[in-house]
Amino acid sequence: TKSYVFEGTFGMSNRDSYFYAAIVAVVAVHIV
């Protein structure tokens, strides 16, 4: 999500993409 979704598709900065990708990873942990 950091590389392809947030930076690639949405064009977010490197710093913002770290934050949102971490949120996606934490949500994935909770789902598992």
Full PDB file with SEQRES, HELIX, SHEET, SSBOND, CRYST1, ORIGX, SCALE, CONECT and MASTER records, all heavy atoms in Angstrom:
SEQRES   1 A   32  THR LYS SER TYR VAL PHE GLU GLY THR PHE GLY MET SER          
SEQRES   2 A   32  ASN ARG ASP SER TYR PHE TYR ALA ALA ILE VAL ALA VAL          
SEQRES   3 A   32  VAL ALA VAL HIS ILE VAL                                      
HELIX    1 AA1 LYS A    2  THR A    9  3                                   8    
HELIX    2 AA2 ASN A   14  ILE A   31  1                                  18    
CRYST1    1.000    1.000    1.000  90.00  90.00  90.00 P 1           1          
ORIGX1      1.000000  0.000000  0.000000        0.00000                         
ORIGX2      0.000000  1.000000  0.000000        0.00000                         
ORIGX3      0.000000  0.000000  1.000000        0.00000                         
SCALE1      1.000000  0.000000  0.000000        0.00000                         
SCALE2      0.000000  1.000000  0.000000        0.00000                         
SCALE3      0.000000  0.000000  1.000000        0.00000                         
ATOM      1  N   THR A   1       0.822  -1.210   0.000  1.00  0.00           N  
ATOM      2  CA  THR A   1       0.000   0.000   0.000  1.00  0.00           C  
ATOM      3  C   THR A   1       0.855   1.259   0.000  1.00  0.00           C  
ATOM      4  O   THR A   1       0.479   2.254  -0.616  1.00  0.00           O  
ATOM      5  CB  THR A   1      -0.955   0.031   1.202  1.00  0.00           C  
ATOM      6  OG1 THR A   1      -0.214  -0.078   2.413  1.00  0.00           O  
ATOM      7  CG2 THR A   1      -1.986  -1.070   1.109  1.00  0.00           C  
ATOM      8  N   LYS A   2       1.995   1.217   0.657  1.00  0.00           N  
ATOM      9  CA  LYS A   2       2.870   2.391   0.667  1.00  0.00           C  
ATOM     10  C   LYS A   2       3.347   2.723  -0.734  1.00  0.00           C  
ATOM     11  O   LYS A   2       3.251   3.864  -1.181  1.00  0.00           O  
ATOM     12  CB  LYS A   2       4.070   2.154   1.585  1.00  0.00           C  
ATOM     13  CG  LYS A   2       5.023   3.330   1.635  1.00  0.00           C  
ATOM     14  CD  LYS A   2       6.273   2.963   2.396  1.00  0.00           C  
ATOM     15  CE  LYS A   2       7.296   4.051   2.367  1.00  0.00           C  
ATOM     16  NZ  LYS A   2       7.581   4.604   1.063  1.00  0.00           N  
ATOM     17  N   SER A   3       3.844   1.727  -1.441  1.00  0.00           N  
ATOM     18  CA  SER A   3       4.424   1.964  -2.761  1.00  0.00           C  
ATOM     19  C   SER A   3       3.377   2.174  -3.843  1.00  0.00           C  
ATOM     20  O   SER A   3       3.455   3.131  -4.615  1.00  0.00           O  
ATOM     21  CB  SER A   3       5.311   0.788  -3.165  1.00  0.00           C  
ATOM     22  OG  SER A   3       6.382   0.651  -2.267  1.00  0.00           O  
ATOM     23  N   TYR A   4       2.426   1.274  -3.912  1.00  0.00           N  
ATOM     24  CA  TYR A   4       1.510   1.276  -5.054  1.00  0.00           C  
ATOM     25  C   TYR A   4       0.251   2.103  -4.839  1.00  0.00           C  
ATOM     26  O   TYR A   4      -0.232   2.740  -5.769  1.00  0.00           O  
ATOM     27  CB  TYR A   4       1.129  -0.161  -5.417  1.00  0.00           C  
ATOM     28  CG  TYR A   4       2.315  -0.988  -5.818  1.00  0.00           C  
ATOM     29  CD1 TYR A   4       2.724  -2.060  -5.039  1.00  0.00           C  
ATOM     30  CD2 TYR A   4       3.050  -0.683  -6.960  1.00  0.00           C  
ATOM     31  CE1 TYR A   4       3.825  -2.813  -5.401  1.00  0.00           C  
ATOM     32  CE2 TYR A   4       4.155  -1.431  -7.325  1.00  0.00           C  
ATOM     33  CZ  TYR A   4       4.528  -2.497  -6.537  1.00  0.00           C  
ATOM     34  OH  TYR A   4       5.626  -3.238  -6.887  1.00  0.00           O  
ATOM     35  N   VAL A   5      -0.279   2.093  -3.632  1.00  0.00           N  
ATOM     36  CA  VAL A   5      -1.546   2.789  -3.415  1.00  0.00           C  
ATOM     37  C   VAL A   5      -1.320   4.243  -3.025  1.00  0.00           C  
ATOM     38  O   VAL A   5      -1.779   5.155  -3.715  1.00  0.00           O  
ATOM     39  CB  VAL A   5      -2.401   2.058  -2.345  1.00  0.00           C  
ATOM     40  CG1 VAL A   5      -3.673   2.823  -2.046  1.00  0.00           C  
ATOM     41  CG2 VAL A   5      -2.720   0.647  -2.794  1.00  0.00           C  
ATOM     42  N   PHE A   6      -0.607   4.444  -1.927  1.00  0.00           N  
ATOM     43  CA  PHE A   6      -0.513   5.804  -1.402  1.00  0.00           C  
ATOM     44  C   PHE A   6       0.461   6.685  -2.191  1.00  0.00           C  
ATOM     45  O   PHE A   6       0.146   7.832  -2.482  1.00  0.00           O  
ATOM     46  CB  PHE A   6      -0.155   5.773   0.085  1.00  0.00           C  
ATOM     47  CG  PHE A   6      -1.208   5.118   0.917  1.00  0.00           C  
ATOM     48  CD1 PHE A   6      -0.924   4.016   1.680  1.00  0.00           C  
ATOM     49  CD2 PHE A   6      -2.509   5.588   0.914  1.00  0.00           C  
ATOM     50  CE1 PHE A   6      -1.904   3.399   2.438  1.00  0.00           C  
ATOM     51  CE2 PHE A   6      -3.504   4.980   1.661  1.00  0.00           C  
ATOM     52  CZ  PHE A   6      -3.195   3.873   2.431  1.00  0.00           C  
ATOM     53  N   GLU A   7       1.643   6.164  -2.527  1.00  0.00           N  
ATOM     54  CA  GLU A   7       2.586   6.966  -3.306  1.00  0.00           C  
ATOM     55  C   GLU A   7       2.271   6.919  -4.802  1.00  0.00           C  
ATOM     56  O   GLU A   7       2.362   7.928  -5.482  1.00  0.00           O  
ATOM     57  CB  GLU A   7       4.022   6.493  -3.058  1.00  0.00           C  
ATOM     58  CG  GLU A   7       4.544   6.849  -1.686  1.00  0.00           C  
ATOM     59  CD  GLU A   7       5.954   6.332  -1.440  1.00  0.00           C  
ATOM     60  OE1 GLU A   7       6.528   5.685  -2.338  1.00  0.00           O  
ATOM     61  OE2 GLU A   7       6.464   6.566  -0.335  1.00  0.00           O  
ATOM     62  N   GLY A   8       1.907   5.728  -5.302  1.00  0.00           N  
ATOM     63  CA  GLY A   8       1.674   5.574  -6.735  1.00  0.00           C  
ATOM     64  C   GLY A   8       0.345   6.138  -7.186  1.00  0.00           C  
ATOM     65  O   GLY A   8       0.279   6.987  -8.079  1.00  0.00           O  
ATOM     66  N   THR A   9      -0.735   5.685  -6.585  1.00  0.00           N  
ATOM     67  CA  THR A   9      -2.070   6.078  -7.033  1.00  0.00           C  
ATOM     68  C   THR A   9      -2.482   7.450  -6.502  1.00  0.00           C  
ATOM     69  O   THR A   9      -2.958   8.295  -7.256  1.00  0.00           O  
ATOM     70  CB  THR A   9      -3.109   5.024  -6.592  1.00  0.00           C  
ATOM     71  OG1 THR A   9      -2.703   3.752  -7.087  1.00  0.00           O  
ATOM     72  CG2 THR A   9      -4.485   5.354  -7.122  1.00  0.00           C  
ATOM     73  N   PHE A  10      -2.314   7.649  -5.201  1.00  0.00           N  
ATOM     74  CA  PHE A  10      -2.765   8.901  -4.597  1.00  0.00           C  
ATOM     75  C   PHE A  10      -1.716  10.008  -4.676  1.00  0.00           C  
ATOM     76  O   PHE A  10      -2.022  11.162  -4.401  1.00  0.00           O  
ATOM     77  CB  PHE A  10      -3.174   8.694  -3.140  1.00  0.00           C  
ATOM     78  CG  PHE A  10      -4.373   7.810  -2.982  1.00  0.00           C  
ATOM     79  CD1 PHE A  10      -4.411   6.849  -1.996  1.00  0.00           C  
ATOM     80  CD2 PHE A  10      -5.480   7.941  -3.800  1.00  0.00           C  
ATOM     81  CE1 PHE A  10      -5.515   6.034  -1.836  1.00  0.00           C  
ATOM     82  CE2 PHE A  10      -6.589   7.135  -3.655  1.00  0.00           C  
ATOM     83  CZ  PHE A  10      -6.613   6.172  -2.665  1.00  0.00           C  
ATOM     84  N   GLY A  11      -0.484   9.688  -4.979  1.00  0.00           N  
ATOM     85  CA  GLY A  11       0.578  10.685  -5.100  1.00  0.00           C  
ATOM     86  C   GLY A  11       0.947  11.355  -3.785  1.00  0.00           C  
ATOM     87  O   GLY A  11       1.354  12.524  -3.770  1.00  0.00           O  
ATOM     88  N   MET A  12       0.845  10.640  -2.699  1.00  0.00           N  
ATOM     89  CA  MET A  12       1.181  11.202  -1.388  1.00  0.00           C  
ATOM     90  C   MET A  12       2.685  11.296  -1.212  1.00  0.00           C  
ATOM     91  O   MET A  12       3.446  10.613  -1.890  1.00  0.00           O  
ATOM     92  CB  MET A  12       0.604  10.336  -0.265  1.00  0.00           C  
ATOM     93  CG  MET A  12      -0.869  10.343  -0.168  1.00  0.00           C  
ATOM     94  SD  MET A  12      -1.371   9.340   1.242  1.00  0.00           S  
ATOM     95  CE  MET A  12      -3.092   9.709   1.294  1.00  0.00           C  
ATOM     96  N   SER A  13       3.085  12.124  -0.276  1.00  0.00           N  
ATOM     97  CA  SER A  13       4.514  12.244   0.022  1.00  0.00           C  
ATOM     98  C   SER A  13       4.990  10.985   0.733  1.00  0.00           C  
ATOM     99  O   SER A  13       4.188  10.190   1.234  1.00  0.00           O  
ATOM    100  CB  SER A  13       4.770  13.468   0.899  1.00  0.00           C  
ATOM    101  OG  SER A  13       4.240  13.262   2.198  1.00  0.00           O  
ATOM    102  N   ASN A  14       6.291  10.821   0.791  1.00  0.00           N  
ATOM    103  CA  ASN A  14       6.890   9.656   1.434  1.00  0.00           C  
ATOM    104  C   ASN A  14       6.489   9.570   2.905  1.00  0.00           C  
ATOM    105  O   ASN A  14       6.176   8.504   3.422  1.00  0.00           O  
ATOM    106  CB  ASN A  14       8.411   9.734   1.278  1.00  0.00           C  
ATOM    107  CG  ASN A  14       9.075   8.428   1.603  1.00  0.00           C  
ATOM    108  OD1 ASN A  14       8.453   7.383   1.624  1.00  0.00           O  
ATOM    109  ND2 ASN A  14      10.369   8.488   1.847  1.00  0.00           N  
ATOM    110  N   ARG A  15       6.486  10.709   3.565  1.00  0.00           N  
ATOM    111  CA  ARG A  15       6.172  10.750   4.991  1.00  0.00           C  
ATOM    112  C   ARG A  15       4.708  10.383   5.260  1.00  0.00           C  
ATOM    113  O   ARG A  15       4.405   9.628   6.185  1.00  0.00           O  
ATOM    114  CB  ARG A  15       6.482  12.136   5.526  1.00  0.00           C  
ATOM    115  CG  ARG A  15       6.401  12.245   7.002  1.00  0.00           C  
ATOM    116  CD  ARG A  15       6.873  13.593   7.453  1.00  0.00           C  
ATOM    117  NE  ARG A  15       6.950  13.613   8.886  1.00  0.00           N  
ATOM    118  CZ  ARG A  15       7.660  14.462   9.558  1.00  0.00           C  
ATOM    119  NH1 ARG A  15       8.375  15.357   8.938  1.00  0.00           N  
ATOM    120  NH2 ARG A  15       7.667  14.431  10.859  1.00  0.00           N  
ATOM    121  N   ASP A  16       3.798  10.911   4.460  1.00  0.00           N  
ATOM    122  CA  ASP A  16       2.379  10.594   4.643  1.00  0.00           C  
ATOM    123  C   ASP A  16       2.084   9.128   4.320  1.00  0.00           C  
ATOM    124  O   ASP A  16       1.259   8.488   4.985  1.00  0.00           O  
ATOM    125  CB  ASP A  16       1.508  11.488   3.763  1.00  0.00           C  
ATOM    126  CG  ASP A  16       1.459  12.925   4.261  1.00  0.00           C  
ATOM    127  OD1 ASP A  16       1.781  13.154   5.447  1.00  0.00           O  
ATOM    128  OD2 ASP A  16       1.100  13.802   3.462  1.00  0.00           O  
ATOM    129  N   SER A  17       2.751   8.607   3.302  1.00  0.00           N  
ATOM    130  CA  SER A  17       2.491   7.226   2.918  1.00  0.00           C  
ATOM    131  C   SER A  17       2.940   6.250   4.005  1.00  0.00           C  
ATOM    132  O   SER A  17       2.319   5.202   4.188  1.00  0.00           O  
ATOM    133  CB  SER A  17       3.155   6.887   1.594  1.00  0.00           C  
ATOM    134  OG  SER A  17       4.558   6.937   1.708  1.00  0.00           O  
ATOM    135  N   TYR A  18       3.997   6.582   4.746  1.00  0.00           N  
ATOM    136  CA  TYR A  18       4.412   5.740   5.876  1.00  0.00           C  
ATOM    137  C   TYR A  18       3.293   5.632   6.904  1.00  0.00           C  
ATOM    138  O   TYR A  18       2.986   4.569   7.413  1.00  0.00           O  
ATOM    139  CB  TYR A  18       5.644   6.314   6.574  1.00  0.00           C  
ATOM    140  CG  TYR A  18       6.955   6.077   5.898  1.00  0.00           C  
ATOM    141  CD1 TYR A  18       7.855   7.118   5.724  1.00  0.00           C  
ATOM    142  CD2 TYR A  18       7.318   4.819   5.451  1.00  0.00           C  
ATOM    143  CE1 TYR A  18       9.069   6.913   5.115  1.00  0.00           C  
ATOM    144  CE2 TYR A  18       8.527   4.605   4.832  1.00  0.00           C  
ATOM    145  CZ  TYR A  18       9.395   5.653   4.670  1.00  0.00           C  
ATOM    146  OH  TYR A  18      10.591   5.435   4.057  1.00  0.00           O  
ATOM    147  N   PHE A  19       2.704   6.775   7.207  1.00  0.00           N  
ATOM    148  CA  PHE A  19       1.663   6.842   8.229  1.00  0.00           C  
ATOM    149  C   PHE A  19       0.444   6.016   7.838  1.00  0.00           C  
ATOM    150  O   PHE A  19      -0.034   5.186   8.613  1.00  0.00           O  
ATOM    151  CB  PHE A  19       1.288   8.306   8.462  1.00  0.00           C  
ATOM    152  CG  PHE A  19       0.190   8.501   9.456  1.00  0.00           C  
ATOM    153  CD1 PHE A  19       0.418   8.318  10.805  1.00  0.00           C  
ATOM    154  CD2 PHE A  19      -1.086   8.853   9.033  1.00  0.00           C  
ATOM    155  CE1 PHE A  19      -0.592   8.488  11.726  1.00  0.00           C  
ATOM    156  CE2 PHE A  19      -2.104   9.026   9.947  1.00  0.00           C  
ATOM    157  CZ  PHE A  19      -1.860   8.849  11.299  1.00  0.00           C  
ATOM    158  N   TYR A  20      -0.055   6.219   6.651  1.00  0.00           N  
ATOM    159  CA  TYR A  20      -1.265   5.519   6.226  1.00  0.00           C  
ATOM    160  C   TYR A  20      -1.017   4.035   5.972  1.00  0.00           C  
ATOM    161  O   TYR A  20      -1.890   3.202   6.221  1.00  0.00           O  
ATOM    162  CB  TYR A  20      -1.870   6.193   4.998  1.00  0.00           C  
ATOM    163  CG  TYR A  20      -2.422   7.556   5.322  1.00  0.00           C  
ATOM    164  CD1 TYR A  20      -1.852   8.708   4.799  1.00  0.00           C  
ATOM    165  CD2 TYR A  20      -3.504   7.690   6.172  1.00  0.00           C  
ATOM    166  CE1 TYR A  20      -2.354   9.956   5.106  1.00  0.00           C  
ATOM    167  CE2 TYR A  20      -4.014   8.936   6.499  1.00  0.00           C  
ATOM    168  CZ  TYR A  20      -3.433  10.067   5.958  1.00  0.00           C  
ATOM    169  OH  TYR A  20      -3.926  11.300   6.288  1.00  0.00           O  
ATOM    170  N   ALA A  21       0.158   3.676   5.496  1.00  0.00           N  
ATOM    171  CA  ALA A  21       0.487   2.264   5.304  1.00  0.00           C  
ATOM    172  C   ALA A  21       0.578   1.546   6.655  1.00  0.00           C  
ATOM    173  O   ALA A  21       0.187   0.378   6.772  1.00  0.00           O  
ATOM    174  CB  ALA A  21       1.794   2.123   4.535  1.00  0.00           C  
ATOM    175  N   ALA A  22       1.068   2.247   7.673  1.00  0.00           N  
ATOM    176  CA  ALA A  22       1.118   1.656   9.017  1.00  0.00           C  
ATOM    177  C   ALA A  22      -0.289   1.417   9.551  1.00  0.00           C  
ATOM    178  O   ALA A  22      -0.541   0.390  10.197  1.00  0.00           O  
ATOM    179  CB  ALA A  22       1.907   2.561   9.962  1.00  0.00           C  
ATOM    180  N   ILE A  23      -1.191   2.318   9.271  1.00  0.00           N  
ATOM    181  CA  ILE A  23      -2.585   2.127   9.704  1.00  0.00           C  
ATOM    182  C   ILE A  23      -3.176   0.892   9.028  1.00  0.00           C  
ATOM    183  O   ILE A  23      -3.849   0.079   9.675  1.00  0.00           O  
ATOM    184  CB  ILE A  23      -3.418   3.389   9.401  1.00  0.00           C  
ATOM    185  CG1 ILE A  23      -2.988   4.520  10.323  1.00  0.00           C  
ATOM    186  CG2 ILE A  23      -4.907   3.106   9.566  1.00  0.00           C  
ATOM    187  CD1 ILE A  23      -3.633   5.854  10.021  1.00  0.00           C  
ATOM    188  N   VAL A  24      -2.906   0.728   7.732  1.00  0.00           N  
ATOM    189  CA  VAL A  24      -3.405  -0.450   7.017  1.00  0.00           C  
ATOM    190  C   VAL A  24      -2.828  -1.725   7.628  1.00  0.00           C  
ATOM    191  O   VAL A  24      -3.540  -2.720   7.820  1.00  0.00           O  
ATOM    192  CB  VAL A  24      -3.066  -0.355   5.511  1.00  0.00           C  
ATOM    193  CG1 VAL A  24      -3.347  -1.662   4.798  1.00  0.00           C  
ATOM    194  CG2 VAL A  24      -3.841   0.780   4.866  1.00  0.00           C  
ATOM    195  N   ALA A  25      -1.551  -1.733   7.976  1.00  0.00           N  
ATOM    196  CA  ALA A  25      -0.923  -2.912   8.569  1.00  0.00           C  
ATOM    197  C   ALA A  25      -1.516  -3.230   9.937  1.00  0.00           C  
ATOM    198  O   ALA A  25      -1.757  -4.404  10.263  1.00  0.00           O  
ATOM    199  CB  ALA A  25       0.586  -2.702   8.679  1.00  0.00           C  
ATOM    200  N   VAL A  26      -1.777  -2.219  10.734  1.00  0.00           N  
ATOM    201  CA  VAL A  26      -2.368  -2.440  12.064  1.00  0.00           C  
ATOM    202  C   VAL A  26      -3.784  -2.989  11.932  1.00  0.00           C  
ATOM    203  O   VAL A  26      -4.188  -3.903  12.671  1.00  0.00           O  
ATOM    204  CB  VAL A  26      -2.342  -1.131  12.889  1.00  0.00           C  
ATOM    205  CG1 VAL A  26      -3.195  -1.242  14.136  1.00  0.00           C  
ATOM    206  CG2 VAL A  26      -0.915  -0.776  13.259  1.00  0.00           C  
ATOM    207  N   VAL A  27      -4.550  -2.474  10.983  1.00  0.00           N  
ATOM    208  CA  VAL A  27      -5.902  -2.991  10.751  1.00  0.00           C  
ATOM    209  C   VAL A  27      -5.823  -4.459  10.307  1.00  0.00           C  
ATOM    210  O   VAL A  27      -6.629  -5.296  10.742  1.00  0.00           O  
ATOM    211  CB  VAL A  27      -6.646  -2.120   9.719  1.00  0.00           C  
ATOM    212  CG1 VAL A  27      -7.923  -2.783   9.249  1.00  0.00           C  
ATOM    213  CG2 VAL A  27      -6.951  -0.752  10.309  1.00  0.00           C  
ATOM    214  N   ALA A  28      -4.849  -4.790   9.470  1.00  0.00           N  
ATOM    215  CA  ALA A  28      -4.672  -6.174   9.024  1.00  0.00           C  
ATOM    216  C   ALA A  28      -4.362  -7.097  10.204  1.00  0.00           C  
ATOM    217  O   ALA A  28      -4.883  -8.214  10.273  1.00  0.00           O  
ATOM    218  CB  ALA A  28      -3.572  -6.267   7.979  1.00  0.00           C  
ATOM    219  N   VAL A  29      -3.532  -6.648  11.126  1.00  0.00           N  
ATOM    220  CA  VAL A  29      -3.218  -7.444  12.323  1.00  0.00           C  
ATOM    221  C   VAL A  29      -4.487  -7.700  13.132  1.00  0.00           C  
ATOM    222  O   VAL A  29      -4.727  -8.827  13.587  1.00  0.00           O  
ATOM    223  CB  VAL A  29      -2.150  -6.738  13.188  1.00  0.00           C  
ATOM    224  CG1 VAL A  29      -2.058  -7.359  14.565  1.00  0.00           C  
ATOM    225  CG2 VAL A  29      -0.801  -6.784  12.507  1.00  0.00           C  
ATOM    226  N   HIS A  30      -5.303  -6.685  13.295  1.00  0.00           N  
ATOM    227  CA  HIS A  30      -6.533  -6.858  14.063  1.00  0.00           C  
ATOM    228  C   HIS A  30      -7.505  -7.806  13.359  1.00  0.00           C  
ATOM    229  O   HIS A  30      -8.188  -8.594  14.026  1.00  0.00           O  
ATOM    230  CB  HIS A  30      -7.192  -5.502  14.314  1.00  0.00           C  
ATOM    231  CG  HIS A  30      -6.520  -4.728  15.386  1.00  0.00           C  
ATOM    232  ND1 HIS A  30      -5.411  -3.941  15.150  1.00  0.00           N  
ATOM    233  CD2 HIS A  30      -6.776  -4.631  16.708  1.00  0.00           C  
ATOM    234  CE1 HIS A  30      -5.021  -3.392  16.278  1.00  0.00           C  
ATOM    235  NE2 HIS A  30      -5.828  -3.793  17.244  1.00  0.00           N  
ATOM    236  N   ILE A  31      -7.564  -7.750  12.053  1.00  0.00           N  
ATOM    237  CA  ILE A  31      -8.442  -8.663  11.317  1.00  0.00           C  
ATOM    238  C   ILE A  31      -7.962 -10.103  11.456  1.00  0.00           C  
ATOM    239  O   ILE A  31      -8.762 -11.021  11.682  1.00  0.00           O  
ATOM    240  CB  ILE A  31      -8.536  -8.236   9.837  1.00  0.00           C  
ATOM    241  CG1 ILE A  31      -9.339  -6.943   9.729  1.00  0.00           C  
ATOM    242  CG2 ILE A  31      -9.154  -9.324   8.984  1.00  0.00           C  
ATOM    243  CD1 ILE A  31      -9.330  -6.319   8.362  1.00  0.00           C  
ATOM    244  N   VAL A  32      -6.650 -10.318  11.348  1.00  0.00           N  
ATOM    245  CA  VAL A  32      -6.109 -11.677  11.505  1.00  0.00           C  
ATOM    246  C   VAL A  32      -6.368 -12.193  12.915  1.00  0.00           C  
ATOM    247  O   VAL A  32      -6.759 -13.352  13.102  1.00  0.00           O  
ATOM    248  CB  VAL A  32      -4.598 -11.714  11.158  1.00  0.00           C  
ATOM    249  CG1 VAL A  32      -3.986 -13.051  11.541  1.00  0.00           C  
ATOM    250  CG2 VAL A  32      -4.386 -11.442   9.683  1.00  0.00           C  
TER     251      VAL A  32                                                      
MASTER        0    0    0    2    0    0    0    6  250    1    0    3          
END                                                                             
